[in-house]
């Protein structure tokens, strides 16, 4: 079914394939039992009623759902019968099937440890192919959650030579993320392959997710080289459609040292970054997650007059991206700084309403913020205000 892996993968037998995928149900080569099951909704069906037809039912939308539900409460004997009909001869075909893969996942969830081990054994030699397949990747992820550490290690070894291929694959990246989340870091030697590729990964639609899972789950000795490399490219990553998410992650979840290094690259560039489609998201995250002293520095920067005497606030109010950063600053600012910021925005808003023919949606959002928090007011904790005030 797939061109990867050391050996051929099983394909559906004709009766199962046609039983689900033919456009005309009347022409489908289903068994009489499956036909009756689909037609007779009044009968109370039990697992034992379909023994001998488990594979066919697993490949049918309604049959698969039935088996999934029954496996959750099945007896040990019933689960063993289901297991024996599927494993090993029919495992690979069902793993790759739109409906069958859910039955295999249920076996990993509700089977005995011996059954889980045997089920995972049938996947060995095909882990790469399954990881790159739409339904197979889901089963591999489920296996990673439920097999013992040694079998997790086997999965890692099969994927290790192809890890970068998997990271950049729409299905495989989810498997790599699951490995990083669930497998002991000492078994994840493939992380060393990310060194020298941090910028490439951070600016990739799937690579940026994998990089974030590394920063979230791996110990410092494995993340430090990745972060050191990332810091070399911070300004560029802030402005990248995917890289900005990695920078935001460091701001929100990184250690104090790494967070400070990122915030230092924002200082002196707040207006420029706020006016950028992607970097503006980083500016907002910085305003929310920085400590109060650093937040004050960033907000002071957007209030400081430029050489022509005009504050960046004016430019930000007019800009399609920077206005959101300004709204965030209005929400999170505190005390006297809040009063000063509001005093800069109010007259500009009045002037824009009076003289501009294009009173935009975002100016309306700014106005609502000003109305919602009229000054003077008692000092409000920014933690109560940052969650959902800005309307996009």
Protein backbone atom coordinates (compact mmCIF):
# COMPACT_ATOMS: atom_id res chain seq x y z
CA UNK A 1 0.00 0.00 0.00
CA UNK A 2 2.94 2.30 0.67
CA UNK A 3 6.34 2.44 -1.06
CA UNK A 4 8.34 2.65 2.16
CA UNK A 5 9.80 0.09 4.51
CA UNK A 6 11.80 -3.10 4.07
CA UNK A 7 8.91 -5.35 3.13
CA UNK A 8 5.52 -5.18 1.41
CA UNK A 9 2.54 -4.04 3.42
CA UNK A 10 -0.69 -5.99 3.27
CA UNK A 11 -3.55 -4.65 1.18
CA UNK A 12 -7.25 -5.14 1.57
CA UNK A 13 -8.86 -8.28 0.31
CA UNK A 14 -11.34 -7.61 -2.46
CA UNK A 15 -14.49 -8.25 -0.44
CA UNK A 16 -13.51 -5.83 2.33
CA UNK A 17 -12.35 -3.08 -0.01
CA UNK A 18 -15.45 -3.25 -2.19
CA UNK A 19 -17.67 -3.59 0.83
CA UNK A 20 -16.97 -0.04 1.85
CA UNK A 21 -15.59 1.93 -1.04
CA UNK A 22 -17.88 1.16 -3.95
CA UNK A 23 -20.09 4.11 -4.72
CA UNK A 24 -23.22 1.91 -5.10
CA UNK A 25 -24.02 0.13 -1.81
CA UNK A 26 -26.33 -2.30 -3.61
CA UNK A 27 -23.37 -3.58 -5.60
CA UNK A 28 -21.10 -3.95 -2.60
CA UNK A 29 -19.68 -7.38 -1.93
CA UNK A 30 -20.50 -7.39 1.75
CA UNK A 31 -21.27 -10.53 3.68
CA UNK A 32 -24.93 -11.21 4.46
CA UNK A 33 -24.12 -10.73 8.16
CA UNK A 34 -22.75 -7.23 7.62
CA UNK A 35 -25.72 -6.41 5.41
CA UNK A 36 -28.07 -7.54 8.17
CA UNK A 37 -26.11 -5.59 10.78
CA UNK A 38 -26.38 -2.40 8.74
CA UNK A 39 -30.09 -2.93 8.03
CA UNK A 40 -31.38 -4.32 11.34
CA UNK A 41 -31.11 -1.54 13.90
CA UNK A 42 -33.69 -3.04 16.25
CA UNK A 43 -31.66 -6.13 17.11
CA UNK A 44 -29.37 -5.90 20.10
CA UNK A 45 -26.03 -6.95 18.67
CA UNK A 46 -23.18 -8.35 20.75
CA UNK A 47 -19.56 -8.98 19.88
CA UNK A 48 -20.13 -12.73 19.82
CA UNK A 49 -22.67 -12.24 17.02
CA UNK A 50 -19.94 -11.12 14.61
CA UNK A 51 -17.14 -13.51 15.56
CA UNK A 52 -15.55 -14.76 12.35
CA UNK A 53 -16.27 -11.41 10.65
CA UNK A 54 -14.22 -9.05 12.82
CA UNK A 55 -11.91 -7.91 10.01
CA UNK A 56 -14.77 -7.18 7.62
CA UNK A 57 -16.72 -5.30 10.28
CA UNK A 58 -13.60 -3.33 11.27
CA UNK A 59 -13.34 -2.04 7.70
CA UNK A 60 -16.94 -0.82 7.70
CA UNK A 61 -17.91 2.54 9.16
CA UNK A 62 -20.77 1.21 11.28
CA UNK A 63 -19.09 -2.08 12.09
CA UNK A 64 -15.92 -0.35 13.21
CA UNK A 65 -17.84 1.95 15.55
CA UNK A 66 -19.69 -1.05 17.01
CA UNK A 67 -16.46 -2.97 17.71
CA UNK A 68 -14.83 0.10 19.26
CA UNK A 69 -17.72 0.56 21.66
CA UNK A 70 -17.88 -3.11 22.62
CA UNK A 71 -14.12 -3.41 23.23
CA UNK A 72 -14.38 -0.84 26.02
CA UNK A 73 -16.49 -3.24 28.12
CA UNK A 74 -15.65 -6.62 26.56
CA UNK A 75 -14.59 -9.60 28.65
CA UNK A 76 -11.04 -10.91 28.42
CA UNK A 77 -12.27 -13.85 26.35
CA UNK A 78 -14.11 -11.60 23.90
CA UNK A 79 -11.12 -9.32 23.47
CA UNK A 80 -8.90 -12.33 22.83
CA UNK A 81 -11.19 -13.58 20.06
CA UNK A 82 -11.23 -10.15 18.40
CA UNK A 83 -7.46 -9.97 18.79
CA UNK A 84 -6.87 -13.41 17.27
CA UNK A 85 -8.96 -12.60 14.18
CA UNK A 86 -6.90 -9.48 13.50
CA UNK A 87 -3.36 -10.26 14.67
CA UNK A 88 -1.05 -10.88 12.92
CA UNK A 89 -2.42 -11.49 9.42
CA UNK A 90 -4.83 -8.55 9.16
CA UNK A 91 -3.11 -5.97 11.34
CA UNK A 92 -1.31 -3.91 8.72
CA UNK A 93 -4.31 -3.65 6.40
CA UNK A 94 -6.53 -2.35 9.21
CA UNK A 95 -3.90 0.04 10.57
CA UNK A 96 -3.96 1.85 7.21
CA UNK A 97 -7.72 1.84 6.86
CA UNK A 98 -9.98 4.86 7.39
CA UNK A 99 -12.20 2.89 9.78
CA UNK A 100 -10.05 -0.07 10.75
CA UNK A 101 -7.34 2.06 12.33
CA UNK A 102 -9.72 2.98 15.16
CA UNK A 103 -10.23 -0.68 16.07
CA UNK A 104 -6.45 -1.18 16.26
CA UNK A 105 -6.19 1.89 18.49
CA UNK A 106 -8.83 0.41 20.81
CA UNK A 107 -6.82 -2.81 21.05
CA UNK A 108 -3.83 -0.78 22.20
CA UNK A 109 -6.00 1.02 24.75
CA UNK A 110 -7.92 -1.96 26.16
CA UNK A 111 -5.82 -5.01 25.36
CA UNK A 112 -3.55 -6.81 27.81
CA UNK A 113 0.11 -5.92 27.85
CA UNK A 114 0.90 -9.16 26.04
CA UNK A 115 -1.61 -8.28 23.32
CA UNK A 116 -0.19 -4.78 22.98
CA UNK A 117 3.30 -6.23 22.63
CA UNK A 118 2.24 -8.73 19.96
CA UNK A 119 0.27 -6.03 18.13
CA UNK A 120 3.29 -3.74 18.08
CA UNK A 121 5.47 -6.62 16.88
CA UNK A 122 3.43 -6.83 13.67
CA UNK A 123 4.31 -3.20 12.95
CA UNK A 124 8.07 -3.70 13.18
CA UNK A 125 9.82 -3.12 9.88
CA UNK A 126 6.97 -0.91 8.71
CA UNK A 127 7.11 1.93 11.24
CA UNK A 128 8.37 4.51 8.73
CA UNK A 129 5.73 3.63 6.15
CA UNK A 130 2.95 3.69 8.72
CA UNK A 131 4.19 6.97 10.22
CA UNK A 132 3.95 8.65 6.82
CA UNK A 133 0.46 7.31 6.15
CA UNK A 134 -2.69 9.23 7.09
CA UNK A 135 -4.23 6.55 9.30
CA UNK A 136 -1.12 4.59 10.15
CA UNK A 137 0.44 7.58 11.88
CA UNK A 138 -2.45 7.62 14.35
CA UNK A 139 -1.88 3.99 15.27
CA UNK A 140 1.86 4.51 15.67
CA UNK A 141 1.13 7.39 18.04
CA UNK A 142 -1.24 5.20 20.05
CA UNK A 143 1.34 2.43 20.17
CA UNK A 144 3.93 4.85 21.53
CA UNK A 145 1.55 5.64 24.40
CA UNK A 146 0.82 2.04 25.39
CA UNK A 147 3.82 -0.16 24.63
CA UNK A 148 6.69 -0.81 27.02
CA UNK A 149 9.89 1.29 26.88
CA UNK A 150 11.86 -1.31 24.93
CA UNK A 151 9.30 -1.29 22.13
CA UNK A 152 9.26 2.49 22.21
CA UNK A 153 12.98 2.24 21.63
CA UNK A 154 12.39 -0.05 18.64
CA UNK A 155 10.10 2.56 17.09
CA UNK A 156 12.73 5.23 17.65
CA UNK A 157 15.44 3.11 16.01
CA UNK A 158 13.35 2.54 12.87
CA UNK A 159 12.62 6.22 12.48
CA UNK A 160 16.01 7.61 13.51
CA UNK A 161 17.63 7.43 10.04
CA UNK A 162 14.60 9.24 8.58
CA UNK A 163 13.73 11.63 11.36
CA UNK A 164 14.07 14.86 9.37
CA UNK A 165 11.90 13.37 6.61
CA UNK A 166 9.26 12.57 9.23
CA UNK A 167 9.47 15.99 10.86
CA UNK A 168 8.62 17.67 7.56
CA UNK A 169 5.83 15.26 6.70
CA UNK A 170 2.19 16.15 7.36
CA UNK A 171 1.64 12.79 9.08
CA UNK A 172 5.10 11.86 10.32
CA UNK A 173 5.57 15.04 12.35
CA UNK A 174 2.83 13.93 14.72
CA UNK A 175 4.70 10.69 15.40
CA UNK A 176 7.92 12.54 16.16
CA UNK A 177 6.05 14.89 18.49
CA UNK A 178 4.55 11.93 20.32
CA UNK A 179 7.97 10.32 20.72
CA UNK A 180 9.34 13.52 22.24
CA UNK A 181 6.36 13.74 24.58
CA UNK A 182 6.25 10.12 25.76
CA UNK A 183 9.67 8.48 25.39
CA UNK A 184 12.51 8.82 27.87
CA UNK A 185 14.90 11.53 26.60
CA UNK A 186 17.91 9.21 26.86
CA UNK A 187 16.40 7.14 24.03
CA UNK A 188 15.88 10.17 21.77
CA UNK A 189 19.30 10.40 20.19
CA UNK A 190 17.71 11.66 16.97
CA UNK A 191 17.36 15.10 18.58
CA UNK A 192 21.06 15.60 17.81
CA UNK A 193 20.09 15.73 14.13
CA UNK A 194 18.20 18.96 14.82
CA UNK A 195 21.45 20.78 15.61
CA UNK A 196 22.48 22.90 12.68
CA UNK A 197 18.90 22.73 11.40
CA UNK A 198 17.11 24.89 13.97
CA UNK A 199 16.36 27.78 11.61
CA UNK A 200 15.18 25.38 8.91
CA UNK A 201 12.91 23.57 11.38
CA UNK A 202 11.60 26.73 13.04
CA UNK A 203 10.53 28.17 9.69
CA UNK A 204 8.77 24.99 8.57
CA UNK A 205 5.03 24.41 9.04
CA UNK A 206 5.58 21.10 10.84
CA UNK A 207 9.15 21.55 12.02
CA UNK A 208 8.14 24.48 14.20
CA UNK A 209 5.76 22.19 16.10
CA UNK A 210 8.41 19.56 16.67
CA UNK A 211 10.87 22.18 17.87
CA UNK A 212 8.34 23.46 20.39
CA UNK A 213 7.79 19.93 21.74
CA UNK A 214 11.55 19.62 22.19
CA UNK A 215 11.67 22.84 24.19
CA UNK A 216 8.67 21.70 26.21
CA UNK A 217 9.66 18.14 27.12
CA UNK A 218 13.41 17.64 26.84
CA UNK A 219 15.98 18.32 29.57
CA UNK A 220 18.29 21.29 29.46
CA UNK A 221 21.29 19.40 28.14
CA UNK A 222 19.32 18.58 24.98
CA UNK A 223 17.52 21.92 24.56
CA UNK A 224 20.44 24.24 25.30
CA UNK A 225 22.21 23.67 21.93
CA UNK A 226 18.89 24.19 20.14
CA UNK A 227 18.18 27.43 22.00
CA UNK A 228 21.71 28.73 21.49
CA UNK A 229 21.21 28.24 17.76
CA UNK A 230 17.74 29.75 17.84
CA UNK A 231 18.95 32.94 19.52
CA UNK A 232 21.20 33.65 16.54
CA UNK A 233 18.14 34.07 14.34
CA UNK A 234 15.58 35.60 16.71
CA UNK A 235 14.77 38.79 14.72
CA UNK A 236 14.27 36.81 11.51
CA UNK A 237 12.20 34.17 13.27
CA UNK A 238 9.93 36.82 14.78
CA UNK A 239 9.03 37.86 11.25
CA UNK A 240 8.50 34.37 9.88
CA UNK A 241 5.01 32.88 9.52
CA UNK A 242 6.06 29.77 11.45
CA UNK A 243 9.15 30.90 13.32
CA UNK A 244 7.15 33.48 15.26
CA UNK A 245 5.37 30.65 17.08
CA UNK A 246 8.66 29.22 18.30
CA UNK A 247 9.75 32.65 19.57
CA UNK A 248 6.39 33.09 21.29
CA UNK A 249 6.84 29.71 22.95
CA UNK A 250 10.20 30.77 24.38
CA UNK A 251 8.70 34.01 25.68
CA UNK A 252 5.84 32.19 27.37
CA UNK A 253 7.49 28.99 28.57
CA UNK A 254 11.25 29.51 28.35
CA UNK A 255 13.66 29.88 31.22
CA UNK A 256 14.30 33.41 32.43
CA UNK A 257 17.66 33.62 30.62
CA UNK A 258 16.22 32.60 27.25
CA UNK A 259 13.14 34.77 27.63
CA UNK A 260 15.33 37.79 28.38
CA UNK A 261 17.51 37.17 25.33
CA UNK A 262 14.41 37.20 23.13
CA UNK A 263 12.93 40.29 24.77
CA UNK A 264 16.25 42.10 24.38
CA UNK A 265 15.90 41.70 20.62
CA UNK A 266 12.52 43.42 20.77
CA UNK A 267 13.76 46.46 22.66
CA UNK A 268 14.42 49.31 20.27
CA UNK A 269 12.35 47.58 17.59
CA UNK A 270 8.84 47.58 19.03
CA UNK A 271 7.29 49.81 16.36
CA UNK A 272 8.95 48.00 13.47
CA UNK A 273 7.99 44.57 14.81
CA UNK A 274 4.48 45.68 15.78
CA UNK A 275 3.86 46.73 12.17
CA UNK A 276 4.84 43.30 10.85
CA UNK A 277 2.14 40.71 10.22
CA UNK A 278 3.85 37.91 12.16
CA UNK A 279 6.17 39.78 14.52
CA UNK A 280 3.19 41.71 15.89
CA UNK A 281 2.06 38.44 17.52
CA UNK A 282 5.43 38.22 19.25
CA UNK A 283 5.03 41.78 20.53
CA UNK A 284 1.67 40.93 22.02
CA UNK A 285 3.05 37.80 23.67
CA UNK A 286 5.92 39.83 25.11
CA UNK A 287 3.53 42.39 26.61
CA UNK A 288 1.52 39.62 28.25
CA UNK A 289 4.34 37.38 29.48
CA UNK A 290 7.16 39.78 30.38
CA UNK A 291 7.61 40.71 34.01
CA UNK A 292 6.24 44.08 35.09
CA UNK A 293 9.58 45.89 34.80
CA UNK A 294 10.26 44.65 31.28
CA UNK A 295 6.67 45.28 30.24
CA UNK A 296 7.04 48.86 31.42
CA UNK A 297 10.16 49.29 29.27
CA UNK A 298 8.41 47.99 26.15
CA UNK A 299 5.37 50.20 26.65
CA UNK A 300 7.56 53.24 27.38
CA UNK A 301 9.20 52.62 24.03
CA UNK A 302 5.93 52.99 22.13
CA UNK A 303 5.10 56.17 24.09
CA UNK A 304 8.46 57.88 23.56
CA UNK A 305 8.27 60.68 20.95
CA UNK A 306 10.25 60.22 17.76
CA UNK A 307 12.61 63.00 16.51
CA UNK A 308 9.66 64.65 14.75
CA UNK A 309 7.82 64.85 18.06
CA UNK A 310 5.15 62.28 17.12
CA UNK A 311 4.83 59.19 19.31
CA UNK A 312 4.75 55.69 17.78
CA UNK A 313 1.23 55.44 19.20
CA UNK A 314 -0.07 57.45 16.23
CA UNK A 315 1.49 55.09 13.69
CA UNK A 316 0.29 52.08 15.63
CA UNK A 317 -3.31 53.26 15.69
CA UNK A 318 -3.34 53.50 11.89
CA UNK A 319 -1.52 50.23 11.21
CA UNK A 320 -3.41 47.03 10.42
CA UNK A 321 -1.13 44.94 12.67
CA UNK A 322 0.37 47.35 15.18
CA UNK A 323 -3.06 48.44 16.39
CA UNK A 324 -3.47 45.04 18.03
CA UNK A 325 -0.20 45.50 19.89
CA UNK A 326 -1.41 48.91 21.04
CA UNK A 327 -4.68 47.39 22.21
CA UNK A 328 -2.72 44.81 24.19
CA UNK A 329 -0.60 47.55 25.74
CA UNK A 330 -3.75 49.41 26.76
CA UNK A 331 -5.01 46.28 28.50
CA UNK A 332 -1.85 45.21 30.34
CA UNK A 333 -0.41 48.61 31.30
CA UNK A 334 -0.72 49.59 34.95
CA UNK A 335 -0.84 52.63 37.21
CA UNK A 336 0.57 55.91 36.00
CA UNK A 337 1.87 54.36 32.81
CA UNK A 338 -1.68 53.30 31.95
CA UNK A 339 -2.94 56.84 32.52
CA UNK A 340 -0.17 58.26 30.33
CA UNK A 341 -0.83 55.79 27.53
CA UNK A 342 -4.57 56.49 27.61
CA UNK A 343 -3.90 60.22 27.58
CA UNK A 344 -1.87 59.79 24.38
CA UNK A 345 -4.45 57.64 22.66
CA UNK A 346 -7.65 59.51 23.49
CA UNK A 347 -6.95 62.79 21.62
CA UNK A 348 -5.58 60.90 18.62
CA UNK A 349 -8.69 58.77 18.49
CA UNK A 350 -10.91 61.86 18.62
CA UNK A 351 -8.93 63.49 15.81
CA UNK A 352 -9.05 60.38 13.65
CA UNK A 353 -12.80 60.06 14.12
CA UNK A 354 -13.27 63.69 13.17
CA UNK A 355 -10.98 63.95 10.17
CA UNK A 356 -10.67 60.44 8.77
CA UNK A 357 -13.11 59.05 6.25
CA UNK A 358 -11.98 55.54 7.05
CA UNK A 359 -12.88 54.96 10.67
CA UNK A 360 -11.76 51.37 10.79
CA UNK A 361 -12.83 48.37 12.78
CA UNK A 362 -9.64 48.37 14.84
CA UNK A 363 -10.12 52.02 15.81
CA UNK A 364 -13.55 51.01 17.04
CA UNK A 365 -11.92 48.28 19.12
CA UNK A 366 -9.53 50.83 20.65
CA UNK A 367 -12.45 53.11 21.45
CA UNK A 368 -14.30 50.31 23.21
CA UNK A 369 -11.21 49.60 25.32
CA UNK A 370 -11.00 53.25 26.34
CA UNK A 371 -14.68 53.25 27.24
CA UNK A 372 -14.36 50.00 29.16
CA UNK A 373 -11.50 51.28 31.31
CA UNK A 374 -12.22 54.96 31.88
CA UNK A 375 -9.59 56.91 33.77
CA UNK A 376 -8.98 57.68 36.49
CA UNK A 377 -9.58 54.20 37.89
CA UNK A 378 -8.16 52.05 40.61
CA UNK A 379 -5.09 50.04 39.78
CA UNK A 380 -6.14 46.80 38.09
CA UNK A 381 -4.06 43.66 38.00
CA UNK A 382 -3.01 43.03 34.42
CA UNK A 383 -3.59 39.32 34.97
CA UNK A 384 -7.34 39.95 35.05
CA UNK A 385 -7.30 41.79 31.75
CA UNK A 386 -5.07 40.03 29.25
CA UNK A 387 -7.16 37.07 28.20
CA UNK A 388 -9.88 38.14 25.83
CA UNK A 389 -10.09 41.89 25.55
CA UNK A 390 -8.75 42.41 22.04
CA UNK A 391 -11.20 42.03 19.20
CA UNK A 392 -9.73 41.00 15.86
